């Protein structure tokens, strides 16, 4: 029996995680902003409740469970760690997306989380936000940018990352804790 054929332990869900990297800045694109008023702000020292709101709003449908039950102290230690930066996409005055980077291991940049709230999916916000975030990351002079996605994420996530120039470098089966709301 291969690892992907065995059943996930109780309280977990099996997923295939694809690890991707980009080793050169993509060609300049003329990306049209999505409809309405948009802004991207660096969330400096966000409070735990604000981060939780975004994490849950974006990740609820995709079993983003790793940070779901962290207490405030544990969560703040992760999101305020040296090198971690959080950016929030706003659309018409409300939070519409999250991008969390880890710049602590330069010249490697890791995208820890990236997502769009359900209300803004399928309207160009994800492409716009990712484009802007990659520009920001490449402006720091890394040698590579890495991220991962899994079969539980939005079905358009992996193809979008590949269209932007990310290439898979590894894949593995993982058992993730089931989200308990």
N, C-alpha and C. Protein backbone atom coordinates (compact mmCIF):
# COMPACT_ATOMS: atom_id res chain seq x y z
N UNK A 1 0.85 -1.18 0.00
CA UNK A 1 0.00 0.00 0.00
C UNK A 1 0.90 1.25 0.00
N UNK A 2 0.67 2.15 -0.92
CA UNK A 2 1.45 3.38 -0.98
C UNK A 2 0.92 4.37 0.04
N UNK A 3 1.74 5.38 0.42
CA UNK A 3 1.28 6.36 1.40
C UNK A 3 -0.02 7.05 1.01
N UNK A 4 -0.22 7.29 -0.28
CA UNK A 4 -1.44 7.99 -0.70
C UNK A 4 -2.67 7.09 -0.66
N UNK A 5 -2.46 5.76 -0.61
CA UNK A 5 -3.59 4.83 -0.57
C UNK A 5 -4.06 4.53 0.85
N UNK A 6 -3.24 4.77 1.85
CA UNK A 6 -3.66 4.46 3.21
C UNK A 6 -4.63 5.53 3.71
N UNK A 7 -5.48 5.13 4.62
CA UNK A 7 -6.48 6.06 5.17
C UNK A 7 -5.82 7.04 6.13
N UNK A 8 -6.34 8.24 6.15
CA UNK A 8 -5.86 9.24 7.09
C UNK A 8 -6.30 8.85 8.50
N UNK A 9 -5.45 9.09 9.50
CA UNK A 9 -5.84 8.79 10.89
C UNK A 9 -7.09 9.58 11.28
N UNK A 10 -7.84 9.10 12.27
CA UNK A 10 -9.03 9.83 12.72
C UNK A 10 -8.69 11.27 13.10
N UNK A 11 -9.57 12.18 12.74
CA UNK A 11 -9.36 13.59 13.07
C UNK A 11 -8.45 14.32 12.09
N UNK A 12 -8.07 13.63 11.02
CA UNK A 12 -7.21 14.26 10.01
C UNK A 12 -7.81 14.05 8.63
N UNK A 13 -7.26 14.76 7.68
CA UNK A 13 -7.66 14.60 6.29
C UNK A 13 -6.38 14.52 5.46
N UNK A 14 -6.37 13.59 4.51
CA UNK A 14 -5.21 13.38 3.64
C UNK A 14 -5.24 14.40 2.51
N UNK A 15 -4.07 14.95 2.22
CA UNK A 15 -3.95 15.89 1.11
C UNK A 15 -2.59 15.71 0.45
N UNK A 16 -2.51 16.11 -0.80
CA UNK A 16 -1.24 16.14 -1.51
C UNK A 16 -0.77 17.59 -1.51
N UNK A 17 0.40 17.81 -0.95
CA UNK A 17 0.99 19.15 -0.90
C UNK A 17 2.00 19.28 -2.03
N UNK A 18 1.86 20.36 -2.81
CA UNK A 18 2.80 20.65 -3.88
C UNK A 18 3.63 21.86 -3.47
N UNK A 19 4.94 21.70 -3.49
CA UNK A 19 5.87 22.76 -3.14
C UNK A 19 6.36 23.40 -4.43
N UNK A 20 6.28 24.72 -4.50
CA UNK A 20 6.63 25.44 -5.72
C UNK A 20 7.67 26.52 -5.41
N UNK A 21 8.43 26.87 -6.45
CA UNK A 21 9.37 27.97 -6.30
C UNK A 21 9.49 28.74 -7.61
N UNK A 22 9.90 29.98 -7.44
CA UNK A 22 10.15 30.88 -8.56
C UNK A 22 11.59 31.36 -8.38
N UNK A 23 12.41 31.20 -9.40
CA UNK A 23 13.83 31.54 -9.26
C UNK A 23 14.24 32.79 -10.03
N UNK A 24 13.31 33.39 -10.72
CA UNK A 24 13.60 34.66 -11.37
C UNK A 24 12.32 35.49 -11.45
N UNK A 25 12.55 36.79 -11.43
CA UNK A 25 11.42 37.72 -11.50
C UNK A 25 10.69 37.52 -12.82
N UNK A 26 9.37 37.40 -12.77
CA UNK A 26 8.62 37.25 -14.02
C UNK A 26 8.67 38.52 -14.85
N UNK A 27 8.43 38.36 -16.13
CA UNK A 27 8.38 39.52 -17.02
C UNK A 27 7.31 40.49 -16.53
N UNK A 28 7.55 41.76 -16.78
CA UNK A 28 6.59 42.79 -16.36
C UNK A 28 5.24 42.53 -17.01
N UNK A 29 4.20 42.71 -16.22
CA UNK A 29 2.85 42.50 -16.72
C UNK A 29 2.07 43.80 -16.56
N UNK A 30 1.14 44.00 -17.42
CA UNK A 30 0.22 45.12 -17.25
C UNK A 30 -1.05 44.53 -16.66
N UNK A 31 -1.13 44.60 -15.35
CA UNK A 31 -2.25 43.99 -14.64
C UNK A 31 -3.27 45.07 -14.33
N UNK A 32 -4.45 44.88 -14.85
CA UNK A 32 -5.54 45.81 -14.61
C UNK A 32 -6.09 45.57 -13.21
N UNK A 33 -6.29 46.64 -12.47
CA UNK A 33 -6.85 46.52 -11.13
C UNK A 33 -8.27 45.98 -11.22
N UNK A 34 -8.67 45.18 -10.25
CA UNK A 34 -10.05 44.68 -10.23
C UNK A 34 -11.03 45.82 -9.98
N UNK A 35 -12.32 45.55 -10.10
CA UNK A 35 -13.32 46.62 -9.97
C UNK A 35 -13.34 47.23 -8.56
N UNK A 36 -13.75 48.49 -8.52
CA UNK A 36 -13.89 49.18 -7.23
C UNK A 36 -12.59 49.79 -6.75
N UNK A 37 -12.64 50.27 -5.55
CA UNK A 37 -11.46 50.87 -4.93
C UNK A 37 -10.65 49.77 -4.26
N UNK A 38 -9.37 49.67 -4.60
CA UNK A 38 -8.51 48.66 -4.01
C UNK A 38 -7.30 49.31 -3.36
N UNK A 39 -6.85 48.70 -2.29
CA UNK A 39 -5.65 49.16 -1.58
C UNK A 39 -4.99 47.95 -0.96
N UNK A 40 -3.68 47.99 -0.87
CA UNK A 40 -2.92 46.95 -0.18
C UNK A 40 -2.15 47.64 0.94
N UNK A 41 -2.36 47.18 2.16
CA UNK A 41 -1.70 47.77 3.31
C UNK A 41 -0.88 46.73 4.06
N UNK A 42 0.28 47.16 4.54
CA UNK A 42 1.11 46.32 5.40
C UNK A 42 0.48 46.36 6.79
N UNK A 43 0.09 45.21 7.30
CA UNK A 43 -0.51 45.13 8.64
C UNK A 43 0.63 44.98 9.64
N UNK A 44 1.04 46.08 10.21
CA UNK A 44 2.14 46.08 11.16
C UNK A 44 1.62 45.71 12.54
N UNK A 45 2.15 44.64 13.10
CA UNK A 45 1.74 44.13 14.40
C UNK A 45 0.22 44.00 14.52
N UNK A 46 -0.38 43.22 13.62
CA UNK A 46 -1.84 43.06 13.68
C UNK A 46 -2.25 42.36 14.97
N UNK A 47 -3.39 42.75 15.53
CA UNK A 47 -3.89 42.03 16.71
C UNK A 47 -4.35 40.63 16.31
N UNK A 48 -4.34 39.75 17.26
CA UNK A 48 -4.71 38.36 17.00
C UNK A 48 -6.11 38.25 16.42
N UNK A 49 -7.07 39.02 16.93
CA UNK A 49 -8.45 38.91 16.45
C UNK A 49 -8.57 39.29 14.98
N UNK A 50 -7.80 40.28 14.51
CA UNK A 50 -7.86 40.69 13.12
C UNK A 50 -7.27 39.60 12.22
N UNK A 51 -6.12 39.06 12.63
CA UNK A 51 -5.51 37.99 11.85
C UNK A 51 -6.45 36.79 11.79
N UNK A 52 -7.03 36.42 12.94
CA UNK A 52 -7.96 35.28 12.97
C UNK A 52 -9.13 35.49 12.02
N UNK A 53 -9.65 36.71 11.99
CA UNK A 53 -10.77 37.00 11.10
C UNK A 53 -10.38 36.66 9.65
N UNK A 54 -9.23 37.16 9.19
CA UNK A 54 -8.79 36.91 7.82
C UNK A 54 -8.49 35.43 7.58
N UNK A 55 -7.76 34.83 8.49
CA UNK A 55 -7.38 33.42 8.36
C UNK A 55 -8.62 32.54 8.25
N UNK A 56 -9.59 32.80 9.08
CA UNK A 56 -10.82 31.99 9.08
C UNK A 56 -11.70 32.30 7.89
N UNK A 57 -11.85 33.57 7.55
CA UNK A 57 -12.70 33.94 6.40
C UNK A 57 -12.16 33.33 5.11
N UNK A 58 -10.85 33.36 4.95
CA UNK A 58 -10.23 32.84 3.73
C UNK A 58 -10.10 31.33 3.77
N UNK A 59 -9.66 30.78 4.88
CA UNK A 59 -9.30 29.38 4.95
C UNK A 59 -10.35 28.39 5.37
N UNK A 60 -11.50 28.88 5.83
CA UNK A 60 -12.55 27.97 6.33
C UNK A 60 -12.92 26.90 5.30
N UNK A 61 -13.10 27.27 4.05
CA UNK A 61 -13.52 26.31 3.02
C UNK A 61 -12.39 25.40 2.54
N UNK A 62 -11.15 25.67 2.97
CA UNK A 62 -9.99 24.92 2.47
C UNK A 62 -9.24 24.20 3.59
N UNK A 63 -9.88 24.08 4.74
CA UNK A 63 -9.32 23.38 5.89
C UNK A 63 -8.01 24.00 6.36
N UNK A 64 -7.91 25.33 6.32
CA UNK A 64 -6.76 25.98 6.95
C UNK A 64 -6.92 25.77 8.45
N UNK A 65 -6.31 24.74 8.97
CA UNK A 65 -6.55 24.34 10.35
C UNK A 65 -5.34 24.53 11.26
N UNK A 66 -4.18 24.73 10.70
CA UNK A 66 -2.95 24.74 11.49
C UNK A 66 -2.95 25.83 12.56
N UNK A 67 -3.46 26.99 12.26
CA UNK A 67 -3.46 28.10 13.22
C UNK A 67 -4.81 28.34 13.88
N UNK A 68 -5.79 27.51 13.55
CA UNK A 68 -7.17 27.74 13.98
C UNK A 68 -7.30 27.84 15.50
N UNK A 69 -6.66 26.92 16.22
CA UNK A 69 -6.86 26.84 17.67
C UNK A 69 -5.68 27.34 18.49
N UNK A 70 -4.76 28.06 17.88
CA UNK A 70 -3.65 28.64 18.65
C UNK A 70 -4.22 29.70 19.59
N UNK A 71 -3.65 29.78 20.78
CA UNK A 71 -4.07 30.87 21.67
C UNK A 71 -3.40 32.17 21.19
N UNK A 72 -3.81 33.29 21.75
CA UNK A 72 -3.29 34.59 21.29
C UNK A 72 -1.77 34.65 21.35
N UNK A 73 -1.20 34.17 22.44
CA UNK A 73 0.26 34.24 22.59
C UNK A 73 0.97 33.45 21.51
N UNK A 74 0.51 32.23 21.24
CA UNK A 74 1.12 31.39 20.21
C UNK A 74 0.96 32.02 18.83
N UNK A 75 -0.23 32.53 18.55
CA UNK A 75 -0.49 33.14 17.25
C UNK A 75 0.37 34.38 17.05
N UNK A 76 0.40 35.26 18.04
CA UNK A 76 1.19 36.48 17.91
C UNK A 76 2.68 36.18 17.76
N UNK A 77 3.16 35.13 18.41
CA UNK A 77 4.56 34.75 18.26
C UNK A 77 4.87 34.40 16.80
N UNK A 78 3.94 33.77 16.12
CA UNK A 78 4.15 33.41 14.72
C UNK A 78 4.01 34.60 13.78
N UNK A 79 2.96 35.39 13.95
CA UNK A 79 2.71 36.45 12.98
C UNK A 79 3.54 37.71 13.23
N UNK A 80 4.16 37.77 14.40
CA UNK A 80 5.04 38.90 14.70
C UNK A 80 6.50 38.49 14.79
N UNK A 81 6.82 37.30 14.31
CA UNK A 81 8.20 36.81 14.33
C UNK A 81 9.07 37.69 13.43
N UNK A 82 10.34 37.71 13.72
CA UNK A 82 11.29 38.47 12.92
C UNK A 82 11.22 37.99 11.48
N UNK A 83 11.06 38.92 10.55
CA UNK A 83 11.02 38.61 9.13
C UNK A 83 9.63 38.34 8.58
N UNK A 84 8.64 38.15 9.43
CA UNK A 84 7.28 37.89 8.95
C UNK A 84 6.59 39.22 8.68
N UNK A 85 5.99 39.32 7.51
CA UNK A 85 5.25 40.52 7.13
C UNK A 85 3.90 40.10 6.57
N UNK A 86 2.88 40.82 6.98
CA UNK A 86 1.51 40.52 6.55
C UNK A 86 0.96 41.71 5.78
N UNK A 87 0.37 41.39 4.63
CA UNK A 87 -0.25 42.42 3.79
C UNK A 87 -1.71 42.05 3.59
N UNK A 88 -2.54 43.09 3.61
CA UNK A 88 -3.98 42.89 3.48
C UNK A 88 -4.47 43.66 2.26
N UNK A 89 -5.21 42.95 1.42
CA UNK A 89 -5.87 43.57 0.27
C UNK A 89 -7.24 44.06 0.75
N UNK A 90 -7.55 45.31 0.46
CA UNK A 90 -8.86 45.88 0.76
C UNK A 90 -9.57 46.17 -0.56
N UNK A 91 -10.85 45.89 -0.60
CA UNK A 91 -11.68 46.18 -1.76
C UNK A 91 -12.91 46.93 -1.26
N UNK A 92 -13.07 48.13 -1.78
CA UNK A 92 -14.19 48.97 -1.37
C UNK A 92 -14.27 49.11 0.15
N UNK A 93 -13.12 49.21 0.79
CA UNK A 93 -13.05 49.48 2.21
C UNK A 93 -13.08 48.28 3.13
N UNK A 94 -13.22 47.05 2.59
CA UNK A 94 -13.27 45.87 3.46
C UNK A 94 -12.12 44.91 3.12
N UNK A 95 -11.65 44.16 4.12
CA UNK A 95 -10.58 43.20 3.85
C UNK A 95 -11.03 42.15 2.84
N UNK A 96 -10.19 41.94 1.83
CA UNK A 96 -10.52 41.00 0.76
C UNK A 96 -9.44 39.96 0.53
N UNK A 97 -8.27 40.12 1.13
CA UNK A 97 -7.20 39.15 0.90
C UNK A 97 -6.09 39.27 1.92
N UNK A 98 -5.30 38.21 2.03
CA UNK A 98 -4.19 38.12 2.96
C UNK A 98 -2.99 37.55 2.25
N UNK A 99 -1.84 38.15 2.48
CA UNK A 99 -0.57 37.58 2.03
C UNK A 99 0.41 37.69 3.20
N UNK A 100 0.95 36.54 3.59
CA UNK A 100 1.90 36.50 4.70
C UNK A 100 3.23 35.98 4.18
N UNK A 101 4.26 36.79 4.32
CA UNK A 101 5.62 36.44 3.89
C UNK A 101 6.49 36.12 5.08
N UNK A 102 7.53 35.32 4.83
CA UNK A 102 8.63 35.15 5.77
C UNK A 102 9.90 35.54 5.01
N UNK A 103 10.48 36.67 5.40
CA UNK A 103 11.71 37.18 4.80
C UNK A 103 12.93 36.85 5.66
N UNK A 104 12.76 36.07 6.72
CA UNK A 104 13.83 35.84 7.69
C UNK A 104 15.00 35.04 7.14
N UNK A 105 14.82 34.33 6.05
CA UNK A 105 15.88 33.45 5.55
C UNK A 105 16.38 33.90 4.18
N UNK A 106 16.47 35.21 3.99
CA UNK A 106 16.96 35.74 2.72
C UNK A 106 18.31 35.12 2.41
N UNK A 107 18.52 34.76 1.16
CA UNK A 107 17.84 35.22 -0.05
C UNK A 107 16.63 34.38 -0.45
N UNK A 108 16.08 33.60 0.48
CA UNK A 108 14.86 32.85 0.22
C UNK A 108 13.68 33.59 0.85
N UNK A 109 12.63 33.77 0.08
CA UNK A 109 11.38 34.34 0.59
C UNK A 109 10.34 33.23 0.55
N UNK A 110 9.63 33.07 1.66
CA UNK A 110 8.58 32.07 1.73
C UNK A 110 7.23 32.77 1.83
N UNK A 111 6.29 32.40 0.95
CA UNK A 111 4.92 32.87 1.09
C UNK A 111 4.24 31.85 2.00
N UNK A 112 3.91 32.27 3.22
CA UNK A 112 3.34 31.36 4.20
C UNK A 112 1.84 31.15 3.96
N UNK A 113 1.14 32.24 3.68
CA UNK A 113 -0.30 32.16 3.39
C UNK A 113 -0.63 33.20 2.33
N UNK A 114 -1.53 32.80 1.43
CA UNK A 114 -2.05 33.71 0.42
C UNK A 114 -3.47 33.29 0.14
N UNK A 115 -4.39 34.25 0.16
CA UNK A 115 -5.77 33.90 -0.15
C UNK A 115 -6.67 35.11 -0.26
N UNK A 116 -7.84 34.86 -0.81
CA UNK A 116 -8.85 35.89 -1.05
C UNK A 116 -10.13 35.45 -0.33
N UNK A 117 -10.85 36.39 0.25
CA UNK A 117 -12.11 36.05 0.91
C UNK A 117 -13.12 35.59 -0.14
N UNK A 118 -14.07 34.75 0.26
CA UNK A 118 -15.00 34.17 -0.71
C UNK A 118 -15.76 35.20 -1.54
N UNK A 119 -16.11 36.32 -0.96
CA UNK A 119 -16.89 37.34 -1.68
C UNK A 119 -16.15 37.94 -2.86
N UNK A 120 -14.84 37.82 -2.89
CA UNK A 120 -14.05 38.47 -3.93
C UNK A 120 -13.37 37.48 -4.88
N UNK A 121 -13.69 36.20 -4.75
CA UNK A 121 -13.13 35.19 -5.65
C UNK A 121 -13.72 35.33 -7.06
N UNK A 122 -12.89 35.01 -8.05
CA UNK A 122 -13.36 34.97 -9.43
C UNK A 122 -13.58 36.32 -10.08
N UNK A 123 -13.05 37.38 -9.47
CA UNK A 123 -13.26 38.73 -10.00
C UNK A 123 -11.95 39.46 -10.29
N UNK A 124 -10.84 38.73 -10.32
CA UNK A 124 -9.55 39.32 -10.64
C UNK A 124 -8.75 39.80 -9.45
N UNK A 125 -9.29 39.72 -8.26
CA UNK A 125 -8.58 40.21 -7.07
C UNK A 125 -7.36 39.34 -6.76
N UNK A 126 -7.48 38.03 -6.91
CA UNK A 126 -6.35 37.14 -6.61
C UNK A 126 -5.17 37.39 -7.52
N UNK A 127 -5.43 37.48 -8.83
CA UNK A 127 -4.33 37.74 -9.78
C UNK A 127 -3.67 39.08 -9.49
N UNK A 128 -4.49 40.10 -9.27
CA UNK A 128 -3.96 41.43 -8.97
C UNK A 128 -3.11 41.42 -7.71
N UNK A 129 -3.64 40.84 -6.65
CA UNK A 129 -2.94 40.82 -5.36
C UNK A 129 -1.64 40.03 -5.45
N UNK A 130 -1.69 38.84 -6.08
CA UNK A 130 -0.47 38.05 -6.21
C UNK A 130 0.58 38.80 -7.02
N UNK A 131 0.19 39.43 -8.09
CA UNK A 131 1.11 40.20 -8.91
C UNK A 131 1.79 41.29 -8.08
N UNK A 132 1.02 42.02 -7.31
CA UNK A 132 1.56 43.09 -6.48
C UNK A 132 2.49 42.54 -5.39
N UNK A 133 2.11 41.42 -4.80
CA UNK A 133 2.92 40.83 -3.73
C UNK A 133 4.23 40.27 -4.27
N UNK A 134 4.21 39.69 -5.47
CA UNK A 134 5.45 39.20 -6.06
C UNK A 134 6.39 40.35 -6.40
N UNK A 135 5.83 41.45 -6.89
CA UNK A 135 6.67 42.64 -7.14
C UNK A 135 7.34 43.10 -5.86
N UNK A 136 6.58 43.16 -4.77
CA UNK A 136 7.12 43.59 -3.48
C UNK A 136 8.25 42.64 -3.05
N UNK A 137 8.02 41.34 -3.16
CA UNK A 137 9.03 40.37 -2.75
C UNK A 137 10.28 40.46 -3.61
N UNK A 138 10.13 40.54 -4.94
CA UNK A 138 11.30 40.61 -5.81
C UNK A 138 12.08 41.90 -5.61
N UNK A 139 11.42 42.96 -5.20
CA UNK A 139 12.13 44.21 -4.92
C UNK A 139 13.11 44.08 -3.75
N UNK A 140 12.97 43.06 -2.94
CA UNK A 140 13.88 42.82 -1.81
C UNK A 140 15.14 42.08 -2.24
N UNK A 141 15.18 41.60 -3.49
CA UNK A 141 16.38 40.95 -4.02
C UNK A 141 16.59 39.50 -3.63
N UNK A 142 15.54 38.69 -3.54
CA UNK A 142 15.77 37.28 -3.21
C UNK A 142 16.33 36.50 -4.40
N UNK A 143 16.82 35.31 -4.11
CA UNK A 143 17.23 34.38 -5.17
C UNK A 143 16.06 33.49 -5.58
N UNK A 144 15.13 33.29 -4.65
CA UNK A 144 13.97 32.45 -4.95
C UNK A 144 12.83 32.81 -4.01
N UNK A 145 11.62 32.53 -4.50
CA UNK A 145 10.41 32.68 -3.70
C UNK A 145 9.72 31.33 -3.72
N UNK A 146 9.34 30.86 -2.54
CA UNK A 146 8.69 29.56 -2.44
C UNK A 146 7.31 29.69 -1.80
N UNK A 147 6.45 28.77 -2.17
CA UNK A 147 5.14 28.64 -1.54
C UNK A 147 4.68 27.21 -1.73
N UNK A 148 3.61 26.85 -1.05
CA UNK A 148 3.03 25.54 -1.30
C UNK A 148 1.52 25.66 -1.32
N UNK A 149 0.92 24.67 -1.95
CA UNK A 149 -0.52 24.57 -2.02
C UNK A 149 -0.86 23.09 -1.90
N UNK A 150 -2.11 22.80 -1.66
CA UNK A 150 -2.49 21.40 -1.53
C UNK A 150 -3.82 21.15 -2.21
N UNK A 151 -4.19 19.89 -2.28
CA UNK A 151 -5.42 19.51 -2.97
C UNK A 151 -6.67 19.96 -2.23
N UNK A 152 -6.53 20.50 -1.02
CA UNK A 152 -7.67 21.05 -0.29
C UNK A 152 -7.90 22.53 -0.64
N UNK A 153 -6.89 23.18 -1.21
CA UNK A 153 -7.00 24.60 -1.56
C UNK A 153 -7.94 24.79 -2.75
N UNK A 154 -8.21 26.04 -3.07
CA UNK A 154 -9.09 26.36 -4.20
C UNK A 154 -8.52 25.68 -5.45
N UNK A 155 -9.36 25.08 -6.28
CA UNK A 155 -8.86 24.36 -7.45
C UNK A 155 -8.10 25.23 -8.44
N UNK A 156 -8.29 26.54 -8.40
CA UNK A 156 -7.55 27.41 -9.32
C UNK A 156 -6.22 27.90 -8.75
N UNK A 157 -5.91 27.54 -7.49
CA UNK A 157 -4.68 28.04 -6.86
C UNK A 157 -3.43 27.55 -7.59
N UNK A 158 -3.26 26.24 -7.72
CA UNK A 158 -2.06 25.70 -8.36
C UNK A 158 -1.89 26.19 -9.79
N UNK A 159 -2.93 26.15 -10.63
CA UNK A 159 -2.74 26.68 -11.99
C UNK A 159 -2.36 28.16 -12.02
N UNK A 160 -2.92 28.95 -11.11
CA UNK A 160 -2.58 30.37 -11.08
C UNK A 160 -1.11 30.56 -10.70
N UNK A 161 -0.65 29.85 -9.69
CA UNK A 161 0.75 29.97 -9.29
C UNK A 161 1.67 29.59 -10.45
N UNK A 162 1.32 28.55 -11.17
CA UNK A 162 2.14 28.13 -12.30
C UNK A 162 2.11 29.15 -13.43
N UNK A 163 0.96 29.77 -13.68
CA UNK A 163 0.90 30.83 -14.71
C UNK A 163 1.79 32.01 -14.34
N UNK A 164 1.95 32.26 -13.06
CA UNK A 164 2.81 33.36 -12.62
C UNK A 164 4.29 33.01 -12.68
N UNK A 165 4.62 31.74 -12.91
CA UNK A 165 6.03 31.36 -13.05
C UNK A 165 6.55 30.45 -11.95
N UNK A 166 5.72 30.03 -11.02
CA UNK A 166 6.16 29.08 -10.01
C UNK A 166 6.22 27.69 -10.63
N UNK A 167 7.24 26.93 -10.27
CA UNK A 167 7.39 25.57 -10.77
C UNK A 167 7.45 24.61 -9.59
N UNK A 168 6.77 23.47 -9.69
CA UNK A 168 6.84 22.48 -8.61
C UNK A 168 8.25 21.93 -8.47
N UNK A 169 8.70 21.76 -7.21
CA UNK A 169 9.99 21.12 -6.98
C UNK A 169 9.86 19.89 -6.07
N UNK A 170 8.70 19.71 -5.43
CA UNK A 170 8.48 18.53 -4.60
C UNK A 170 6.98 18.37 -4.36
N UNK A 171 6.63 17.17 -3.97
CA UNK A 171 5.24 16.88 -3.65
C UNK A 171 5.24 15.80 -2.58
N UNK A 172 4.30 15.90 -1.63
CA UNK A 172 4.21 14.86 -0.60
C UNK A 172 2.78 14.75 -0.08
N UNK A 173 2.48 13.59 0.44
CA UNK A 173 1.19 13.34 1.07
C UNK A 173 1.31 13.75 2.54
N UNK A 174 0.29 14.45 3.04
CA UNK A 174 0.27 14.85 4.45
C UNK A 174 -1.12 14.60 5.01
N UNK A 175 -1.15 14.32 6.31
CA UNK A 175 -2.41 14.23 7.04
C UNK A 175 -2.52 15.49 7.87
N UNK A 176 -3.50 16.33 7.53
CA UNK A 176 -3.70 17.59 8.24
C UNK A 176 -4.85 17.45 9.23
N UNK A 177 -4.77 18.18 10.35
CA UNK A 177 -5.90 18.14 11.29
C UNK A 177 -7.16 18.63 10.60
N UNK A 178 -8.26 17.94 10.86
CA UNK A 178 -9.55 18.37 10.32
C UNK A 178 -9.99 19.64 11.04
N UNK A 179 -10.50 20.55 10.26
CA UNK A 179 -10.99 21.81 10.82
C UNK A 179 -12.26 21.53 11.60
N UNK A 180 -12.26 21.95 12.83
CA UNK A 180 -13.46 21.82 13.67
C UNK A 180 -13.90 23.21 14.05
N UNK A 181 -14.98 23.64 13.45
CA UNK A 181 -15.47 24.99 13.66
C UNK A 181 -16.31 25.05 14.92
